[in-house]
């Protein structure tokens, strides 16, 4: 499912204009991204939690050449699903 699919489904089920739904969906994603940039945790009850995790530096290997390559530390976004999703997906 794409962002456009979500917009179409919400617009259809709520009888709102697609352009208005698109603005709300995009602003929601922007707010989540902005919070992650500030290092905040986003907790959506019954859905899940988005947060940043710091990955340590490590030694990697180039699969083509086998050459050892240092991989620098970096931040990654992780998502942990909530109980409601876990129950429904089972």
PDB file of N, CA and C in Angstrom:
ATOM      1  N   UNK A   1       0.843  -1.168   0.000  1.00  0.00           N
ATOM      2  CA  UNK A   1       0.000   0.000   0.000  1.00  0.00           C
ATOM      3  C   UNK A   1       0.892   1.236   0.000  1.00  0.00           C
ATOM      4  N   UNK A   2       0.540   2.188  -0.837  1.00  0.00           N
ATOM      5  CA  UNK A   2       1.317   3.420  -0.940  1.00  0.00           C
ATOM      6  C   UNK A   2       0.595   4.558  -0.220  1.00  0.00           C
ATOM      7  N   UNK A   3       1.275   5.692  -0.123  1.00  0.00           N
ATOM      8  CA  UNK A   3       0.659   6.855   0.500  1.00  0.00           C
ATOM      9  C   UNK A   3      -0.592   7.258  -0.284  1.00  0.00           C
ATOM     10  N   UNK A   4      -0.522   7.162  -1.586  1.00  0.00           N
ATOM     11  CA  UNK A   4      -1.681   7.514  -2.417  1.00  0.00           C
ATOM     12  C   UNK A   4      -2.858   6.587  -2.135  1.00  0.00           C
ATOM     13  N   UNK A   5      -2.582   5.302  -1.940  1.00  0.00           N
ATOM     14  CA  UNK A   5      -3.645   4.345  -1.612  1.00  0.00           C
ATOM     15  C   UNK A   5      -4.317   4.714  -0.282  1.00  0.00           C
ATOM     16  N   UNK A   6      -3.518   5.119   0.682  1.00  0.00           N
ATOM     17  CA  UNK A   6      -4.058   5.537   1.976  1.00  0.00           C
ATOM     18  C   UNK A   6      -4.951   6.760   1.795  1.00  0.00           C
ATOM     19  N   UNK A   7      -4.479   7.723   1.038  1.00  0.00           N
ATOM     20  CA  UNK A   7      -5.245   8.948   0.792  1.00  0.00           C
ATOM     21  C   UNK A   7      -6.573   8.626   0.123  1.00  0.00           C
ATOM     22  N   UNK A   8      -6.543   7.784  -0.896  1.00  0.00           N
ATOM     23  CA  UNK A   8      -7.773   7.414  -1.601  1.00  0.00           C
ATOM     24  C   UNK A   8      -8.760   6.697  -0.683  1.00  0.00           C
ATOM     25  N   UNK A   9      -8.259   5.790   0.142  1.00  0.00           N
ATOM     26  CA  UNK A   9      -9.125   5.031   1.045  1.00  0.00           C
ATOM     27  C   UNK A   9      -9.762   5.941   2.096  1.00  0.00           C
ATOM     28  N   UNK A  10      -8.960   6.818   2.699  1.00  0.00           N
ATOM     29  CA  UNK A  10      -9.485   7.734   3.716  1.00  0.00           C
ATOM     30  C   UNK A  10     -10.480   8.706   3.081  1.00  0.00           C
ATOM     31  N   UNK A  11     -10.166   9.236   1.914  1.00  0.00           N
ATOM     32  CA  UNK A  11     -11.069  10.170   1.234  1.00  0.00           C
ATOM     33  C   UNK A  11     -12.391   9.488   0.903  1.00  0.00           C
ATOM     34  N   UNK A  12     -12.327   8.251   0.463  1.00  0.00           N
ATOM     35  CA  UNK A  12     -13.531   7.505   0.105  1.00  0.00           C
ATOM     36  C   UNK A  12     -14.395   7.212   1.327  1.00  0.00           C
ATOM     37  N   UNK A  13     -13.760   6.827   2.424  1.00  0.00           N
ATOM     38  CA  UNK A  13     -14.506   6.436   3.623  1.00  0.00           C
ATOM     39  C   UNK A  13     -15.009   7.621   4.447  1.00  0.00           C
ATOM     40  N   UNK A  14     -14.425   8.801   4.245  1.00  0.00           N
ATOM     41  CA  UNK A  14     -14.826   9.964   5.044  1.00  0.00           C
ATOM     42  C   UNK A  14     -15.555  11.023   4.227  1.00  0.00           C
ATOM     43  N   UNK A  15     -15.648  10.819   2.923  1.00  0.00           N
ATOM     44  CA  UNK A  15     -16.282  11.795   2.017  1.00  0.00           C
ATOM     45  C   UNK A  15     -15.596  13.158   2.067  1.00  0.00           C
ATOM     46  N   UNK A  16     -14.300  13.161   2.311  1.00  0.00           N
ATOM     47  CA  UNK A  16     -13.502  14.382   2.258  1.00  0.00           C
ATOM     48  C   UNK A  16     -12.803  14.450   0.910  1.00  0.00           C
ATOM     49  N   UNK A  17     -12.406  15.652   0.516  1.00  0.00           N
ATOM     50  CA  UNK A  17     -11.678  15.810  -0.746  1.00  0.00           C
ATOM     51  C   UNK A  17     -10.289  15.206  -0.615  1.00  0.00           C
ATOM     52  N   UNK A  18      -9.835  14.591  -1.711  1.00  0.00           N
ATOM     53  CA  UNK A  18      -8.511  13.953  -1.709  1.00  0.00           C
ATOM     54  C   UNK A  18      -7.413  14.950  -1.388  1.00  0.00           C
ATOM     55  N   UNK A  19      -7.519  16.160  -1.881  1.00  0.00           N
ATOM     56  CA  UNK A  19      -6.473  17.154  -1.648  1.00  0.00           C
ATOM     57  C   UNK A  19      -6.371  17.496  -0.169  1.00  0.00           C
ATOM     58  N   UNK A  20      -7.523  17.548   0.524  1.00  0.00           N
ATOM     59  CA  UNK A  20      -7.507  17.834   1.960  1.00  0.00           C
ATOM     60  C   UNK A  20      -6.915  16.671   2.741  1.00  0.00           C
ATOM     61  N   UNK A  21      -7.277  15.457   2.360  1.00  0.00           N
ATOM     62  CA  UNK A  21      -6.732  14.270   3.016  1.00  0.00           C
ATOM     63  C   UNK A  21      -5.231  14.182   2.780  1.00  0.00           C
ATOM     64  N   UNK A  22      -4.814  14.511   1.563  1.00  0.00           N
ATOM     65  CA  UNK A  22      -3.384  14.472   1.232  1.00  0.00           C
ATOM     66  C   UNK A  22      -2.597  15.428   2.121  1.00  0.00           C
ATOM     67  N   UNK A  23      -3.139  16.629   2.351  1.00  0.00           N
ATOM     68  CA  UNK A  23      -2.464  17.609   3.206  1.00  0.00           C
ATOM     69  C   UNK A  23      -2.336  17.087   4.641  1.00  0.00           C
ATOM     70  N   UNK A  24      -3.395  16.471   5.142  1.00  0.00           N
ATOM     71  CA  UNK A  24      -3.380  15.960   6.516  1.00  0.00           C
ATOM     72  C   UNK A  24      -2.394  14.804   6.655  1.00  0.00           C
ATOM     73  N   UNK A  25      -2.426  13.880   5.690  1.00  0.00           N
ATOM     74  CA  UNK A  25      -1.520  12.723   5.737  1.00  0.00           C
ATOM     75  C   UNK A  25      -0.069  13.191   5.646  1.00  0.00           C
ATOM     76  N   UNK A  26       0.210  14.104   4.723  1.00  0.00           N
ATOM     77  CA  UNK A  26       1.583  14.596   4.563  1.00  0.00           C
ATOM     78  C   UNK A  26       2.047  15.342   5.804  1.00  0.00           C
ATOM     79  N   UNK A  27       1.172  16.155   6.386  1.00  0.00           N
ATOM     80  CA  UNK A  27       1.540  16.901   7.596  1.00  0.00           C
ATOM     81  C   UNK A  27       1.799  15.947   8.761  1.00  0.00           C
ATOM     82  N   UNK A  28       1.020  14.854   8.831  1.00  0.00           N
ATOM     83  CA  UNK A  28       1.242  13.842   9.867  1.00  0.00           C
ATOM     84  C   UNK A  28       2.631  13.232   9.719  1.00  0.00           C
ATOM     85  N   UNK A  29       2.984  12.857   8.491  1.00  0.00           N
ATOM     86  CA  UNK A  29       4.312  12.278   8.253  1.00  0.00           C
ATOM     87  C   UNK A  29       5.407  13.296   8.561  1.00  0.00           C
ATOM     88  N   UNK A  30       5.176  14.560   8.177  1.00  0.00           N
ATOM     89  CA  UNK A  30       6.168  15.610   8.445  1.00  0.00           C
ATOM     90  C   UNK A  30       6.390  15.786   9.949  1.00  0.00           C
ATOM     91  N   UNK A  31       5.308  15.736  10.722  1.00  0.00           N
ATOM     92  CA  UNK A  31       5.420  15.877  12.181  1.00  0.00           C
ATOM     93  C   UNK A  31       6.215  14.719  12.783  1.00  0.00           C
ATOM     94  N   UNK A  32       5.982  13.503  12.282  1.00  0.00           N
ATOM     95  CA  UNK A  32       6.726  12.330  12.759  1.00  0.00           C
ATOM     96  C   UNK A  32       8.206  12.485  12.438  1.00  0.00           C
ATOM     97  N   UNK A  33       8.513  12.901  11.227  1.00  0.00           N
ATOM     98  CA  UNK A  33       9.905  13.073  10.802  1.00  0.00           C
ATOM     99  C   UNK A  33      10.584  14.166  11.625  1.00  0.00           C
ATOM    100  N   UNK A  34       9.896  15.295  11.814  1.00  0.00           N
ATOM    101  CA  UNK A  34      10.467  16.393  12.598  1.00  0.00           C
ATOM    102  C   UNK A  34      10.772  15.963  14.032  1.00  0.00           C
ATOM    103  N   UNK A  35       9.869  15.192  14.624  1.00  0.00           N
ATOM    104  CA  UNK A  35      10.085  14.713  15.991  1.00  0.00           C
ATOM    105  C   UNK A  35      11.295  13.777  16.048  1.00  0.00           C
ATOM    106  N   UNK A  36      11.435  12.912  15.052  1.00  0.00           N
ATOM    107  CA  UNK A  36      12.589  12.006  15.011  1.00  0.00           C
ATOM    108  C   UNK A  36      13.887  12.791  14.852  1.00  0.00           C
ATOM    109  N   UNK A  37      13.869  13.829  14.037  1.00  0.00           N
ATOM    110  CA  UNK A  37      15.056  14.667  13.850  1.00  0.00           C
ATOM    111  C   UNK A  37      15.472  15.292  15.177  1.00  0.00           C
ATOM    112  N   UNK A  38      14.486  15.680  15.987  1.00  0.00           N
ATOM    113  CA  UNK A  38      14.786  16.265  17.303  1.00  0.00           C
ATOM    114  C   UNK A  38      15.152  15.205  18.327  1.00  0.00           C
ATOM    115  N   UNK A  39      15.120  13.943  17.949  1.00  0.00           N
ATOM    116  CA  UNK A  39      15.503  12.867  18.851  1.00  0.00           C
ATOM    117  C   UNK A  39      14.372  12.392  19.757  1.00  0.00           C
ATOM    118  N   UNK A  40      13.159  12.791  19.450  1.00  0.00           N
ATOM    119  CA  UNK A  40      12.011  12.406  20.268  1.00  0.00           C
ATOM    120  C   UNK A  40      11.484  11.028  19.865  1.00  0.00           C
ATOM    121  N   UNK A  41      10.784  10.405  20.803  1.00  0.00           N
ATOM    122  CA  UNK A  41      10.123   9.130  20.553  1.00  0.00           C
ATOM    123  C   UNK A  41       8.671   9.429  20.213  1.00  0.00           C
ATOM    124  N   UNK A  42       8.127   8.768  19.185  1.00  0.00           N
ATOM    125  CA  UNK A  42       6.741   8.959  18.789  1.00  0.00           C
ATOM    126  C   UNK A  42       5.965   7.717  19.185  1.00  0.00           C
ATOM    127  N   UNK A  43       5.028   7.895  20.099  1.00  0.00           N
ATOM    128  CA  UNK A  43       4.238   6.764  20.584  1.00  0.00           C
ATOM    129  C   UNK A  43       2.788   6.955  20.156  1.00  0.00           C
ATOM    130  N   UNK A  44       2.312   6.067  19.302  1.00  0.00           N
ATOM    131  CA  UNK A  44       0.935   6.090  18.848  1.00  0.00           C
ATOM    132  C   UNK A  44       0.222   4.915  19.505  1.00  0.00           C
ATOM    133  N   UNK A  45      -0.616   5.202  20.469  1.00  0.00           N
ATOM    134  CA  UNK A  45      -1.281   4.155  21.259  1.00  0.00           C
ATOM    135  C   UNK A  45      -1.972   3.144  20.346  1.00  0.00           C
ATOM    136  N   UNK A  46      -1.828   1.882  20.694  1.00  0.00           N
ATOM    137  CA  UNK A  46      -2.415   0.752  19.976  1.00  0.00           C
ATOM    138  C   UNK A  46      -1.872   0.590  18.556  1.00  0.00           C
ATOM    139  N   UNK A  47      -0.895   1.399  18.168  1.00  0.00           N
ATOM    140  CA  UNK A  47      -0.288   1.253  16.850  1.00  0.00           C
ATOM    141  C   UNK A  47       1.173   0.852  16.979  1.00  0.00           C
ATOM    142  N   UNK A  48       1.968   1.711  17.640  1.00  0.00           N
ATOM    143  CA  UNK A  48       3.369   1.384  17.818  1.00  0.00           C
ATOM    144  C   UNK A  48       4.203   2.588  18.185  1.00  0.00           C
ATOM    145  N   UNK A  49       5.512   2.371  18.227  1.00  0.00           N
ATOM    146  CA  UNK A  49       6.454   3.407  18.641  1.00  0.00           C
ATOM    147  C   UNK A  49       7.561   3.528  17.600  1.00  0.00           C
ATOM    148  N   UNK A  50       7.807   4.774  17.188  1.00  0.00           N
ATOM    149  CA  UNK A  50       8.953   5.091  16.331  1.00  0.00           C
ATOM    150  C   UNK A  50      10.002   5.740  17.216  1.00  0.00           C
ATOM    151  N   UNK A  51      11.253   5.328  17.058  1.00  0.00           N
ATOM    152  CA  UNK A  51      12.325   6.000  17.791  1.00  0.00           C
ATOM    153  C   UNK A  51      13.636   5.827  17.051  1.00  0.00           C
ATOM    154  N   UNK A  52      14.602   6.672  17.421  1.00  0.00           N
ATOM    155  CA  UNK A  52      15.935   6.595  16.835  1.00  0.00           C
ATOM    156  C   UNK A  52      16.807   5.668  17.666  1.00  0.00           C
ATOM    157  N   UNK A  53      17.645   4.941  16.979  1.00  0.00           N
ATOM    158  CA  UNK A  53      18.590   4.065  17.653  1.00  0.00           C
ATOM    159  C   UNK A  53      19.973   4.356  17.068  1.00  0.00           C
ATOM    160  N   UNK A  54      20.950   4.444  17.933  1.00  0.00           N
ATOM    161  CA  UNK A  54      22.323   4.698  17.498  1.00  0.00           C
ATOM    162  C   UNK A  54      23.018   3.368  17.222  1.00  0.00           C
ATOM    163  N   UNK A  55      23.463   3.191  15.995  1.00  0.00           N
ATOM    164  CA  UNK A  55      24.229   1.994  15.651  1.00  0.00           C
ATOM    165  C   UNK A  55      25.707   2.290  15.861  1.00  0.00           C
ATOM    166  N   UNK A  56      26.426   1.345  16.453  1.00  0.00           N
ATOM    167  CA  UNK A  56      27.848   1.523  16.701  1.00  0.00           C
ATOM    168  C   UNK A  56      28.635   1.354  15.409  1.00  0.00           C
ATOM    169  N   UNK A  57      29.841   1.898  15.406  1.00  0.00           N
ATOM    170  CA  UNK A  57      30.719   1.670  14.260  1.00  0.00           C
ATOM    171  C   UNK A  57      31.161   0.213  14.288  1.00  0.00           C
ATOM    172  N   UNK A  58      31.440  -0.311  13.123  1.00  0.00           N
ATOM    173  CA  UNK A  58      31.844  -1.717  13.034  1.00  0.00           C
ATOM    174  C   UNK A  58      32.706  -1.914  11.808  1.00  0.00           C
ATOM    175  N   UNK A  59      33.238  -3.099  11.702  1.00  0.00           N
ATOM    176  CA  UNK A  59      34.038  -3.462  10.532  1.00  0.00           C
ATOM    177  C   UNK A  59      33.158  -4.303   9.613  1.00  0.00           C
ATOM    178  N   UNK A  60      33.013  -3.830   8.368  1.00  0.00           N
ATOM    179  CA  UNK A  60      32.228  -4.555   7.376  1.00  0.00           C
ATOM    180  C   UNK A  60      33.149  -5.146   6.320  1.00  0.00           C
ATOM    181  N   UNK A  61      32.533  -5.782   5.360  1.00  0.00           N
ATOM    182  CA  UNK A  61      33.301  -6.396   4.286  1.00  0.00           C
ATOM    183  C   UNK A  61      32.583  -6.150   2.973  1.00  0.00           C
ATOM    184  N   UNK A  62      33.342  -5.698   1.966  1.00  0.00           N
ATOM    185  CA  UNK A  62      32.793  -5.517   0.635  1.00  0.00           C
ATOM    186  C   UNK A  62      32.538  -6.907   0.043  1.00  0.00           C
ATOM    187  N   UNK A  63      31.285  -7.250  -0.294  1.00  0.00           N
ATOM    188  CA  UNK A  63      30.998  -8.604  -0.776  1.00  0.00           C
ATOM    189  C   UNK A  63      31.640  -8.934  -2.123  1.00  0.00           C
ATOM    190  N   UNK A  64      31.894  -7.938  -2.936  1.00  0.00           N
ATOM    191  CA  UNK A  64      32.511  -8.203  -4.246  1.00  0.00           C
ATOM    192  C   UNK A  64      34.007  -8.485  -4.141  1.00  0.00           C
ATOM    193  N   UNK A  65      34.690  -7.652  -3.330  1.00  0.00           N
ATOM    194  CA  UNK A  65      36.146  -7.764  -3.275  1.00  0.00           C
ATOM    195  C   UNK A  65      36.640  -8.473  -2.023  1.00  0.00           C
ATOM    196  N   UNK A  66      35.798  -8.554  -1.012  1.00  0.00           N
ATOM    197  CA  UNK A  66      36.227  -9.155   0.245  1.00  0.00           C
ATOM    198  C   UNK A  66      37.058  -8.204   1.096  1.00  0.00           C
ATOM    199  N   UNK A  67      37.217  -6.978   0.625  1.00  0.00           N
ATOM    200  CA  UNK A  67      38.020  -5.987   1.332  1.00  0.00           C
ATOM    201  C   UNK A  67      37.316  -5.540   2.614  1.00  0.00           C
ATOM    202  N   UNK A  68      38.087  -5.403   3.692  1.00  0.00           N
ATOM    203  CA  UNK A  68      37.560  -4.937   4.973  1.00  0.00           C
ATOM    204  C   UNK A  68      37.322  -3.437   4.881  1.00  0.00           C
ATOM    205  N   UNK A  69      36.110  -3.018   5.325  1.00  0.00           N
ATOM    206  CA  UNK A  69      35.727  -1.610   5.232  1.00  0.00           C
ATOM    207  C   UNK A  69      35.155  -1.165   6.580  1.00  0.00           C
ATOM    208  N   UNK A  70      35.643  -0.050   7.121  1.00  0.00           N
ATOM    209  CA  UNK A  70      35.043   0.448   8.373  1.00  0.00           C
ATOM    210  C   UNK A  70      33.671   1.073   8.087  1.00  0.00           C
ATOM    211  N   UNK A  71      32.685   0.725   8.900  1.00  0.00           N
ATOM    212  CA  UNK A  71      31.342   1.298   8.775  1.00  0.00           C
ATOM    213  C   UNK A  71      31.169   2.270   9.938  1.00  0.00           C
ATOM    214  N   UNK A  72      30.929   3.546   9.634  1.00  0.00           N
ATOM    215  CA  UNK A  72      30.837   4.547  10.703  1.00  0.00           C
ATOM    216  C   UNK A  72      29.546   4.392  11.514  1.00  0.00           C
ATOM    217  N   UNK A  73      29.513   4.965  12.717  1.00  0.00           N
ATOM    218  CA  UNK A  73      28.281   4.921  13.511  1.00  0.00           C
ATOM    219  C   UNK A  73      27.192   5.740  12.816  1.00  0.00           C
ATOM    220  N   UNK A  74      25.941   5.354  13.024  1.00  0.00           N
ATOM    221  CA  UNK A  74      24.851   6.102  12.403  1.00  0.00           C
ATOM    222  C   UNK A  74      23.568   5.914  13.197  1.00  0.00           C
ATOM    223  N   UNK A  75      22.621   6.775  12.938  1.00  0.00           N
ATOM    224  CA  UNK A  75      21.324   6.686  13.575  1.00  0.00           C
ATOM    225  C   UNK A  75      20.354   6.019  12.600  1.00  0.00           C
ATOM    226  N   UNK A  76      19.495   5.150  13.117  1.00  0.00           N
ATOM    227  CA  UNK A  76      18.476   4.505  12.300  1.00  0.00           C
ATOM    228  C   UNK A  76      17.126   4.630  13.007  1.00  0.00           C
ATOM    229  N   UNK A  77      16.070   4.649  12.227  1.00  0.00           N
ATOM    230  CA  UNK A  77      14.726   4.692  12.777  1.00  0.00           C
ATOM    231  C   UNK A  77      14.245   3.260  12.970  1.00  0.00           C
ATOM    232  N   UNK A  78      13.729   2.979  14.156  1.00  0.00           N
ATOM    233  CA  UNK A  78      13.173   1.654  14.422  1.00  0.00           C
ATOM    234  C   UNK A  78      11.701   1.817  14.789  1.00  0.00           C
ATOM    235  N   UNK A  79      10.919   0.801  14.463  1.00  0.00           N
ATOM    236  CA  UNK A  79       9.497   0.797  14.778  1.00  0.00           C
ATOM    237  C   UNK A  79       9.180  -0.471  15.538  1.00  0.00           C
ATOM    238  N   UNK A  80       8.498  -0.306  16.656  1.00  0.00           N
ATOM    239  CA  UNK A  80       8.057  -1.453  17.434  1.00  0.00           C
ATOM    240  C   UNK A  80       6.532  -1.417  17.436  1.00  0.00           C
ATOM    241  N   UNK A  81       5.922  -2.460  16.911  1.00  0.00           N
ATOM    242  CA  UNK A  81       4.465  -2.465  16.791  1.00  0.00           C
ATOM    243  C   UNK A  81       3.798  -2.600  18.146  1.00  0.00           C
ATOM    244  N   UNK A  82       2.603  -2.033  18.232  1.00  0.00           N
ATOM    245  CA  UNK A  82       1.822  -2.075  19.459  1.00  0.00           C
ATOM    246  C   UNK A  82       1.017  -3.356  19.573  1.00  0.00           C
ATOM    247  N   UNK A  83       0.386  -3.556  20.707  1.00  0.00           N
ATOM    248  CA  UNK A  83      -0.380  -4.773  20.969  1.00  0.00           C
ATOM    249  C   UNK A  83      -1.535  -4.953  19.989  1.00  0.00           C
ATOM    250  N   UNK A  84      -2.209  -3.860  19.642  1.00  0.00           N
ATOM    251  CA  UNK A  84      -3.357  -3.942  18.740  1.00  0.00           C
ATOM    252  C   UNK A  84      -2.943  -4.496  17.372  1.00  0.00           C
ATOM    253  N   UNK A  85      -1.838  -4.024  16.852  1.00  0.00           N
ATOM    254  CA  UNK A  85      -1.347  -4.530  15.559  1.00  0.00           C
ATOM    255  C   UNK A  85      -0.947  -5.991  15.693  1.00  0.00           C
ATOM    256  N   UNK A  86      -0.233  -6.322  16.756  1.00  0.00           N
ATOM    257  CA  UNK A  86       0.216  -7.703  16.945  1.00  0.00           C
ATOM    258  C   UNK A  86      -0.975  -8.656  16.987  1.00  0.00           C
ATOM    259  N   UNK A  87      -2.037  -8.258  17.674  1.00  0.00           N
ATOM    260  CA  UNK A  87      -3.227  -9.105  17.767  1.00  0.00           C
ATOM    261  C   UNK A  87      -3.895  -9.287  16.409  1.00  0.00           C
ATOM    262  N   UNK A  88      -4.024  -8.212  15.660  1.00  0.00           N
ATOM    263  CA  UNK A  88      -4.724  -8.261  14.378  1.00  0.00           C
ATOM    264  C   UNK A  88      -3.934  -8.971  13.286  1.00  0.00           C
ATOM    265  N   UNK A  89      -2.610  -8.881  13.341  1.00  0.00           N
ATOM    266  CA  UNK A  89      -1.768  -9.481  12.295  1.00  0.00           C
ATOM    267  C   UNK A  89      -1.648 -10.995  12.463  1.00  0.00           C
ATOM    268  N   UNK A  90      -1.771 -11.467  13.703  1.00  0.00           N
ATOM    269  CA  UNK A  90      -1.623 -12.905  13.960  1.00  0.00           C
ATOM    270  C   UNK A  90      -2.515 -13.738  13.131  1.00  0.00           C
TER     271      UNK A  90
END
